[in-house]
PDB file of N, CA and C in Angstrom:
ATOM      1  N   MET A   1     -16.380 203.942-179.770  1.00  0.00           N
ATOM      2  CA  MET A   1     -16.089 204.681-180.903  1.00  0.00           C
ATOM      3  C   MET A   1     -16.909 205.966-181.129  1.00  0.00           C
ATOM      4  N   THR A   2     -16.289 207.292-180.934  1.00  0.00           N
ATOM      5  CA  THR A   2     -17.071 208.528-180.787  1.00  0.00           C
ATOM      6  C   THR A   2     -17.454 209.071-182.269  1.00  0.00           C
ATOM      7  N   GLN A   3     -18.513 209.177-182.864  1.00  0.00           N
ATOM      8  CA  GLN A   3     -18.929 209.457-184.130  1.00  0.00           C
ATOM      9  C   GLN A   3     -18.906 211.025-184.010  1.00  0.00           C
ATOM     10  N   PRO A   4     -18.506 211.588-185.349  1.00  0.00           N
ATOM     11  CA  PRO A   4     -18.654 213.127-185.430  1.00  0.00           C
ATOM     12  C   PRO A   4     -20.049 213.600-185.263  1.00  0.00           C
ATOM     13  N   THR A   5     -20.177 214.685-184.600  1.00  0.00           N
ATOM     14  CA  THR A   5     -21.463 215.432-184.446  1.00  0.00           C
ATOM     15  C   THR A   5     -22.020 216.262-185.584  1.00  0.00           C
ATOM     16  N   ARG A   6     -23.014 216.282-186.487  1.00  0.00           N
ATOM     17  CA  ARG A   6     -23.245 217.147-187.649  1.00  0.00           C
ATOM     18  C   ARG A   6     -24.814 217.249-187.449  1.00  0.00           C
ATOM     19  N   ARG A   7     -25.344 218.431-188.082  1.00  0.00           N
ATOM     20  CA  ARG A   7     -26.521 218.674-188.078  1.00  0.00           C
ATOM     21  C   ARG A   7     -27.271 217.780-189.271  1.00  0.00           C
ATOM     22  N   ASP A   8     -26.504 217.150-190.222  1.00  0.00           N
ATOM     23  CA  ASP A   8     -27.172 216.627-191.296  1.00  0.00           C
ATOM     24  C   ASP A   8     -26.639 215.378-191.469  1.00  0.00           C
ATOM     25  N   ALA A   9     -27.306 214.348-191.996  1.00  0.00           N
ATOM     26  CA  ALA A   9     -26.819 212.955-192.446  1.00  0.00           C
ATOM     27  C   ALA A   9     -27.880 212.199-192.956  1.00  0.00           C
ATOM     28  N   SER A  10     -27.596 211.371-193.892  1.00  0.00           N
ATOM     29  CA  SER A  10     -28.519 210.753-194.662  1.00  0.00           C
ATOM     30  C   SER A  10     -28.689 209.054-194.178  1.00  0.00           C
ATOM     31  N   PHE A  11     -29.791 208.607-194.294  1.00  0.00           N
ATOM     32  CA  PHE A  11     -30.181 207.465-193.430  1.00  0.00           C
ATOM     33  C   PHE A  11     -31.192 206.630-194.448  1.00  0.00           C
ATOM     34  N   ILE A  12     -30.994 205.454-194.646  1.00  0.00           N
ATOM     35  CA  ILE A  12     -32.268 204.400-195.224  1.00  0.00           C
ATOM     36  C   ILE A  12     -32.524 203.687-194.110  1.00  0.00           C
ATOM     37  N   VAL A  13     -33.986 203.869-193.973  1.00  0.00           N
ATOM     38  CA  VAL A  13     -34.769 203.350-192.842  1.00  0.00           C
ATOM     39  C   VAL A  13     -35.880 202.678-193.248  1.00  0.00           C
ATOM     40  N   ARG A  14     -36.272 201.516-192.695  1.00  0.00           N
ATOM     41  CA  ARG A  14     -37.308 200.570-192.980  1.00  0.00           C
ATOM     42  C   ARG A  14     -38.005 200.177-191.666  1.00  0.00           C
ATOM     43  N   ILE A  15     -39.222 200.712-191.578  1.00  0.00           N
ATOM     44  CA  ILE A  15     -39.985 200.457-190.241  1.00  0.00           C
ATOM     45  C   ILE A  15     -41.286 199.700-190.579  1.00  0.00           C
ATOM     46  N   TRP A  16     -41.699 198.936-189.707  1.00  0.00           N
ATOM     47  CA  TRP A  16     -42.948 198.135-189.804  1.00  0.00           C
ATOM     48  C   TRP A  16     -43.516 197.929-188.364  1.00  0.00           C
ATOM     49  N   TRP A  17     -44.868 197.941-188.359  1.00  0.00           N
ATOM     50  CA  TRP A  17     -45.767 197.659-187.186  1.00  0.00           C
ATOM     51  C   TRP A  17     -45.964 196.172-187.225  1.00  0.00           C
ATOM     52  N   GLU A  18     -45.727 195.581-185.851  1.00  0.00           N
ATOM     53  CA  GLU A  18     -46.076 194.259-185.599  1.00  0.00           C
ATOM     54  C   GLU A  18     -47.057 194.183-184.648  1.00  0.00           C
ATOM     55  N   GLY A  19     -48.267 194.748-184.592  1.00  0.00           N
ATOM     56  CA  GLY A  19     -49.390 194.739-183.683  1.00  0.00           C
ATOM     57  C   GLY A  19     -49.294 195.427-182.424  1.00  0.00           C
ATOM     58  N   ARG A  20     -49.708 195.086-181.314  1.00  0.00           N
ATOM     59  CA  ARG A  20     -49.590 195.581-179.980  1.00  0.00           C
ATOM     60  C   ARG A  20     -49.035 194.539-178.912  1.00  0.00           C
ATOM     61  N   ASP A  21     -48.374 195.379-177.946  1.00  0.00           N
ATOM     62  CA  ASP A  21     -47.965 194.533-176.668  1.00  0.00           C
ATOM     63  C   ASP A  21     -48.867 193.970-175.891  1.00  0.00           C
ATOM     64  N   GLN A  22     -49.141 192.872-175.738  1.00  0.00           N
ATOM     65  CA  GLN A  22     -50.398 192.231-174.810  1.00  0.00           C
ATOM     66  C   GLN A  22     -50.413 193.022-173.538  1.00  0.00           C
ATOM     67  N   ALA A  23     -49.234 193.174-172.875  1.00  0.00           N
ATOM     68  CA  ALA A  23     -49.337 193.564-171.532  1.00  0.00           C
ATOM     69  C   ALA A  23     -49.559 195.337-171.446  1.00  0.00           C
ATOM     70  N   THR A  24     -49.080 195.994-172.372  1.00  0.00           N
ATOM     71  CA  THR A  24     -49.217 197.358-172.485  1.00  0.00           C
ATOM     72  C   THR A  24     -50.144 197.987-173.537  1.00  0.00           C
ATOM     73  N   ASP A  25     -50.492 197.220-174.352  1.00  0.00           N
ATOM     74  CA  ASP A  25     -51.341 197.659-175.446  1.00  0.00           C
ATOM     75  C   ASP A  25     -50.720 198.569-176.480  1.00  0.00           C
ATOM     76  N   GLU A  26     -49.518 198.907-176.053  1.00  0.00           N
ATOM     77  CA  GLU A  26     -48.744 199.749-176.998  1.00  0.00           C
ATOM     78  C   GLU A  26     -48.391 199.144-178.358  1.00  0.00           C
ATOM     79  N   PRO A  27     -48.341 200.169-179.396  1.00  0.00           N
ATOM     80  CA  PRO A  27     -47.600 199.298-180.911  1.00  0.00           C
ATOM     81  C   PRO A  27     -46.219 198.857-180.653  1.00  0.00           C
ATOM     82  N   ILE A  28     -46.018 197.708-181.290  1.00  0.00           N
ATOM     83  CA  ILE A  28     -44.634 197.243-181.468  1.00  0.00           C
ATOM     84  C   ILE A  28     -44.229 197.589-182.854  1.00  0.00           C
ATOM     85  N   TRP A  29     -43.232 198.512-182.797  1.00  0.00           N
ATOM     86  CA  TRP A  29     -42.549 198.847-184.124  1.00  0.00           C
ATOM     87  C   TRP A  29     -41.106 198.190-183.991  1.00  0.00           C
ATOM     88  N   ARG A  30     -40.672 197.557-185.298  1.00  0.00           N
ATOM     89  CA  ARG A  30     -39.579 197.004-185.810  1.00  0.00           C
ATOM     90  C   ARG A  30     -39.196 197.841-186.805  1.00  0.00           C
ATOM     91  N   GLY A  31     -37.638 197.596-186.825  1.00  0.00           N
ATOM     92  CA  GLY A  31     -37.087 198.335-188.033  1.00  0.00           C
ATOM     93  C   GLY A  31     -35.578 198.196-188.277  1.00  0.00           C
ATOM     94  N   GLN A  32     -35.119 198.797-189.257  1.00  0.00           N
ATOM     95  CA  GLN A  32     -33.687 198.645-189.687  1.00  0.00           C
ATOM     96  C   GLN A  32     -33.352 200.063-190.094  1.00  0.00           C
ATOM     97  N   ALA A  33     -32.170 200.450-189.794  1.00  0.00           N
ATOM     98  CA  ALA A  33     -31.564 201.674-190.355  1.00  0.00           C
ATOM     99  C   ALA A  33     -30.111 201.789-190.643  1.00  0.00           C
ATOM    100  N   GLN A  34     -29.805 202.235-191.708  1.00  0.00           N
ATOM    101  CA  GLN A  34     -28.261 202.327-192.309  1.00  0.00           C
ATOM    102  C   GLN A  34     -28.066 203.821-192.450  1.00  0.00           C
ATOM    103  N   HIS A  35     -26.725 204.000-191.880  1.00  0.00           N
ATOM    104  CA  HIS A  35     -26.177 205.230-192.061  1.00  0.00           C
ATOM    105  C   HIS A  35     -25.502 205.352-193.433  1.00  0.00           C
ATOM    106  N   ALA A  36     -26.011 206.169-194.320  1.00  0.00           N
ATOM    107  CA  ALA A  36     -25.773 206.066-195.826  1.00  0.00           C
ATOM    108  C   ALA A  36     -24.253 206.152-196.124  1.00  0.00           C
ATOM    109  N   ALA A  37     -23.598 207.065-195.306  1.00  0.00           N
ATOM    110  CA  ALA A  37     -22.238 207.462-195.617  1.00  0.00           C
ATOM    111  C   ALA A  37     -21.112 206.160-195.283  1.00  0.00           C
ATOM    112  N   THR A  38     -21.332 205.610-194.206  1.00  0.00           N
ATOM    113  CA  THR A  38     -20.586 204.576-193.465  1.00  0.00           C
ATOM    114  C   THR A  38     -21.106 203.013-193.728  1.00  0.00           C
ATOM    115  N   GLY A  39     -22.396 202.918-193.909  1.00  0.00           N
ATOM    116  CA  GLY A  39     -22.985 201.829-194.321  1.00  0.00           C
ATOM    117  C   GLY A  39     -23.348 200.824-192.892  1.00  0.00           C
ATOM    118  N   GLU A  40     -23.034 201.563-191.750  1.00  0.00           N
ATOM    119  CA  GLU A  40     -23.338 201.339-190.407  1.00  0.00           C
ATOM    120  C   GLU A  40     -24.924 201.033-190.402  1.00  0.00           C
ATOM    121  N   ALA A  41     -25.242 199.645-189.821  1.00  0.00           N
ATOM    122  CA  ALA A  41     -26.715 199.394-189.745  1.00  0.00           C
ATOM    123  C   ALA A  41     -27.096 198.922-188.216  1.00  0.00           C
ATOM    124  N   VAL A  42     -28.333 199.050-188.003  1.00  0.00           N
ATOM    125  CA  VAL A  42     -28.697 198.619-186.710  1.00  0.00           C
ATOM    126  C   VAL A  42     -30.150 198.141-186.925  1.00  0.00           C
ATOM    127  N   SER A  43     -30.689 197.303-186.176  1.00  0.00           N
ATOM    128  CA  SER A  43     -32.099 196.827-186.271  1.00  0.00           C
ATOM    129  C   SER A  43     -32.584 197.432-184.603  1.00  0.00           C
ATOM    130  N   PHE A  44     -33.760 197.924-184.699  1.00  0.00           N
ATOM    131  CA  PHE A  44     -34.277 198.373-183.677  1.00  0.00           C
ATOM    132  C   PHE A  44     -35.795 197.786-183.416  1.00  0.00           C
ATOM    133  N   ARG A  45     -35.972 197.822-182.065  1.00  0.00           N
ATOM    134  CA  ARG A  45     -37.480 197.305-181.641  1.00  0.00           C
ATOM    135  C   ARG A  45     -38.419 198.379-181.254  1.00  0.00           C
ATOM    136  N   ASN A  46     -38.093 199.547-181.270  1.00  0.00           N
ATOM    137  CA  ASN A  46     -39.007 200.613-180.666  1.00  0.00           C
ATOM    138  C   ASN A  46     -38.585 202.047-181.511  1.00  0.00           C
ATOM    139  N   LEU A  47     -39.243 202.924-181.810  1.00  0.00           N
ATOM    140  CA  LEU A  47     -38.728 204.411-182.319  1.00  0.00           C
ATOM    141  C   LEU A  47     -37.955 205.054-181.538  1.00  0.00           C
ATOM    142  N   GLU A  48     -37.702 204.677-180.345  1.00  0.00           N
ATOM    143  CA  GLU A  48     -36.735 205.449-179.401  1.00  0.00           C
ATOM    144  C   GLU A  48     -35.284 205.010-179.775  1.00  0.00           C
ATOM    145  N   GLN A  49     -35.498 203.514-180.008  1.00  0.00           N
ATOM    146  CA  GLN A  49     -33.898 203.205-180.397  1.00  0.00           C
ATOM    147  C   GLN A  49     -33.354 203.804-181.700  1.00  0.00           C
ATOM    148  N   LEU A  50     -34.354 203.832-182.678  1.00  0.00           N
ATOM    149  CA  LEU A  50     -34.257 204.638-183.928  1.00  0.00           C
ATOM    150  C   LEU A  50     -33.640 206.106-183.801  1.00  0.00           C
ATOM    151  N   GLY A  51     -34.297 206.805-182.904  1.00  0.00           N
ATOM    152  CA  GLY A  51     -33.959 208.022-182.615  1.00  0.00           C
ATOM    153  C   GLY A  51     -32.547 208.132-181.851  1.00  0.00           C
ATOM    154  N   GLY A  52     -32.169 207.194-181.197  1.00  0.00           N
ATOM    155  CA  GLY A  52     -30.808 207.263-180.461  1.00  0.00           C
ATOM    156  C   GLY A  52     -29.838 206.916-181.754  1.00  0.00           C
ATOM    157  N   PHE A  53     -30.092 206.091-182.622  1.00  0.00           N
ATOM    158  CA  PHE A  53     -29.000 205.788-183.365  1.00  0.00           C
ATOM    159  C   PHE A  53     -28.923 206.898-184.405  1.00  0.00           C
ATOM    160  N   ILE A  54     -30.039 207.613-184.878  1.00  0.00           N
ATOM    161  CA  ILE A  54     -29.607 208.942-185.711  1.00  0.00           C
ATOM    162  C   ILE A  54     -29.140 210.139-184.897  1.00  0.00           C
ATOM    163  N   ARG A  55     -29.335 210.077-183.561  1.00  0.00           N
ATOM    164  CA  ARG A  55     -28.597 211.156-182.551  1.00  0.00           C
ATOM    165  C   ARG A  55     -27.087 211.198-182.427  1.00  0.00           C
ATOM    166  N   ARG A  56     -26.669 209.758-182.777  1.00  0.00           N
ATOM    167  CA  ARG A  56     -25.297 209.477-182.528  1.00  0.00           C
ATOM    168  C   ARG A  56     -24.521 210.238-183.862  1.00  0.00           C
ATOM    169  N   TRP A  57     -25.124 210.224-184.746  1.00  0.00           N
ATOM    170  CA  TRP A  57     -24.507 210.759-186.206  1.00  0.00           C
ATOM    171  C   TRP A  57     -24.960 212.428-186.269  1.00  0.00           C
ATOM    172  N   THR A  58     -26.072 212.753-185.612  1.00  0.00           N
ATOM    173  CA  THR A  58     -26.675 214.331-185.927  1.00  0.00           C
ATOM    174  C   THR A  58     -26.327 214.935-184.672  1.00  0.00           C
ATOM    175  N   GLY A  59     -26.324 214.506-183.597  1.00  0.00           N
ATOM    176  CA  GLY A  59     -26.286 215.370-182.315  1.00  0.00           C
ATOM    177  C   GLY A  59     -27.683 215.566-181.864  1.00  0.00           C
ATOM    178  N   ALA A  60     -27.855 215.794-180.535  1.00  0.00           N
ATOM    179  CA  ALA A  60     -29.248 215.990-180.111  1.00  0.00           C
ATOM    180  C   ALA A  60     -29.658 217.458-180.619  1.00  0.00           C
ATOM    181  N   LEU A  61     -30.815 217.639-181.283  1.00  0.00           N
ATOM    182  CA  LEU A  61     -31.153 218.775-181.693  1.00  0.00           C
ATOM    183  C   LEU A  61     -32.146 219.619-180.479  1.00  0.00           C
ATOM    184  N   THR A  62     -31.583 220.778-180.088  1.00  0.00           N
ATOM    185  CA  THR A  62     -32.273 221.675-179.180  1.00  0.00           C
ATOM    186  C   THR A  62     -32.953 222.784-179.693  1.00  0.00           C
ATOM    187  N   THR A  63     -33.807 223.583-179.142  1.00  0.00           N
ATOM    188  CA  THR A  63     -34.462 224.796-179.542  1.00  0.00           C
ATOM    189  C   THR A  63     -33.436 225.594-179.781  1.00  0.00           C
ATOM    190  N   GLU A  64     -32.423 225.755-178.820  1.00  0.00           N
ATOM    191  CA  GLU A  64     -31.391 226.953-178.627  1.00  0.00           C
ATOM    192  C   GLU A  64     -30.508 226.785-179.854  1.00  0.00           C
ATOM    193  N   ASN A  65     -29.935 225.527-180.224  1.00  0.00           N
ATOM    194  CA  ASN A  65     -29.055 225.366-181.236  1.00  0.00           C
ATOM    195  C   ASN A  65     -29.820 225.560-182.531  1.00  0.00           C
ATOM    196  N   ASN A  66     -30.973 225.009-182.594  1.00  0.00           N
ATOM    197  CA  ASN A  66     -32.010 225.086-183.789  1.00  0.00           C
ATOM    198  C   ASN A  66     -32.114 226.620-184.415  1.00  0.00           C
ATOM    199  N   LEU A  67     -32.466 227.549-183.210  1.00  0.00           N
ATOM    200  CA  LEU A  67     -32.793 228.907-183.494  1.00  0.00           C
ATOM    201  C   LEU A  67     -31.452 229.468-183.909  1.00  0.00           C
ATOM    202  N   GLN A  68     -30.454 229.324-183.312  1.00  0.00           N
ATOM    203  CA  GLN A  68     -29.121 230.067-183.874  1.00  0.00           C
ATOM    204  C   GLN A  68     -28.548 229.590-185.223  1.00  0.00           C
ATOM    205  N   SER A  69     -28.920 228.449-185.606  1.00  0.00           N
ATOM    206  CA  SER A  69     -28.417 228.108-186.858  1.00  0.00           C
ATOM    207  C   SER A  69     -29.492 227.828-188.161  1.00  0.00           C
ATOM    208  N   ASP A  70     -30.534 228.028-187.829  1.00  0.00           N
ATOM    209  CA  ASP A  70     -31.502 227.624-188.630  1.00  0.00           C
ATOM    210  C   ASP A  70     -31.652 228.854-189.777  1.00  0.00           C
ATOM    211  N   THR A  71     -31.187 228.588-190.982  1.00  0.00           N
ATOM    212  CA  THR A  71     -31.205 229.478-192.041  1.00  0.00           C
ATOM    213  C   THR A  71     -32.544 229.418-192.802  1.00  0.00           C
ATOM    214  N   ARG A  72     -33.273 228.628-192.549  1.00  0.00           N
ATOM    215  CA  ARG A  72     -34.612 228.370-193.451  1.00  0.00           C
ATOM    216  C   ARG A  72     -35.737 228.782-192.738  1.00  0.00           C
ATOM    217  N   ALA A  73     -35.550 229.667-191.756  1.00  0.00           N
ATOM    218  CA  ALA A  73     -36.684 230.040-190.980  1.00  0.00           C
ATOM    219  C   ALA A  73     -37.449 231.221-191.866  1.00  0.00           C
ATOM    220  N   GLU A  74     -38.742 231.293-191.780  1.00  0.00           N
ATOM    221  CA  GLU A  74     -39.466 232.036-192.582  1.00  0.00           C
ATOM    222  C   GLU A  74     -39.547 233.511-192.174  1.00  0.00           C
ATOM    223  N   PRO A  75     -39.423 234.527-192.887  1.00  0.00           N
ATOM    224  CA  PRO A  75     -39.296 235.841-192.451  1.00  0.00           C
ATOM    225  C   PRO A  75     -40.512 236.209-191.598  1.00  0.00           C
ATOM    226  N   PRO A  76     -40.518 237.037-190.662  1.00  0.00           N
ATOM    227  CA  PRO A  76     -41.582 237.595-190.120  1.00  0.00           C
ATOM    228  C   PRO A  76     -42.496 238.314-190.795  1.00  0.00           C
ATOM    229  N   GLU A  77     -43.752 238.147-190.321  1.00  0.00           N
ATOM    230  CA  GLU A  77     -44.918 238.740-191.003  1.00  0.00           C
ATOM    231  C   GLU A  77     -45.050 240.275-190.853  1.00  0.00           C
ATOM    232  N   PRO A  78     -45.153 240.937-191.976  1.00  0.00           N
ATOM    233  CA  PRO A  78     -45.194 242.456-191.935  1.00  0.00           C
ATOM    234  C   PRO A  78     -46.230 243.003-190.545  1.00  0.00           C
ATOM    235  N   SER A  79     -45.788 244.168-190.092  1.00  0.00           N
ATOM    236  CA  SER A  79     -46.770 244.763-189.046  1.00  0.00           C
ATOM    237  C   SER A  79     -47.786 245.268-189.553  1.00  0.00           C
TER     238      SER A  79
END
């Protein structure tokens, strides 16, 4: 199923830390995320999976498309 690509979306996210992986000593993150508009929810085992779920709804943010459409940018400093 293809999701619409948007720059904004609302999510309910709960994350918690469960210690460190014995093999890599990396933090172990767990969590749940829910897309507010549809109720679609996922569980994740690392922050990269959370990012993947959010990108499905918002699209990948790149510097190029951010600079072209960011209307909240601060005005330049006076010379």
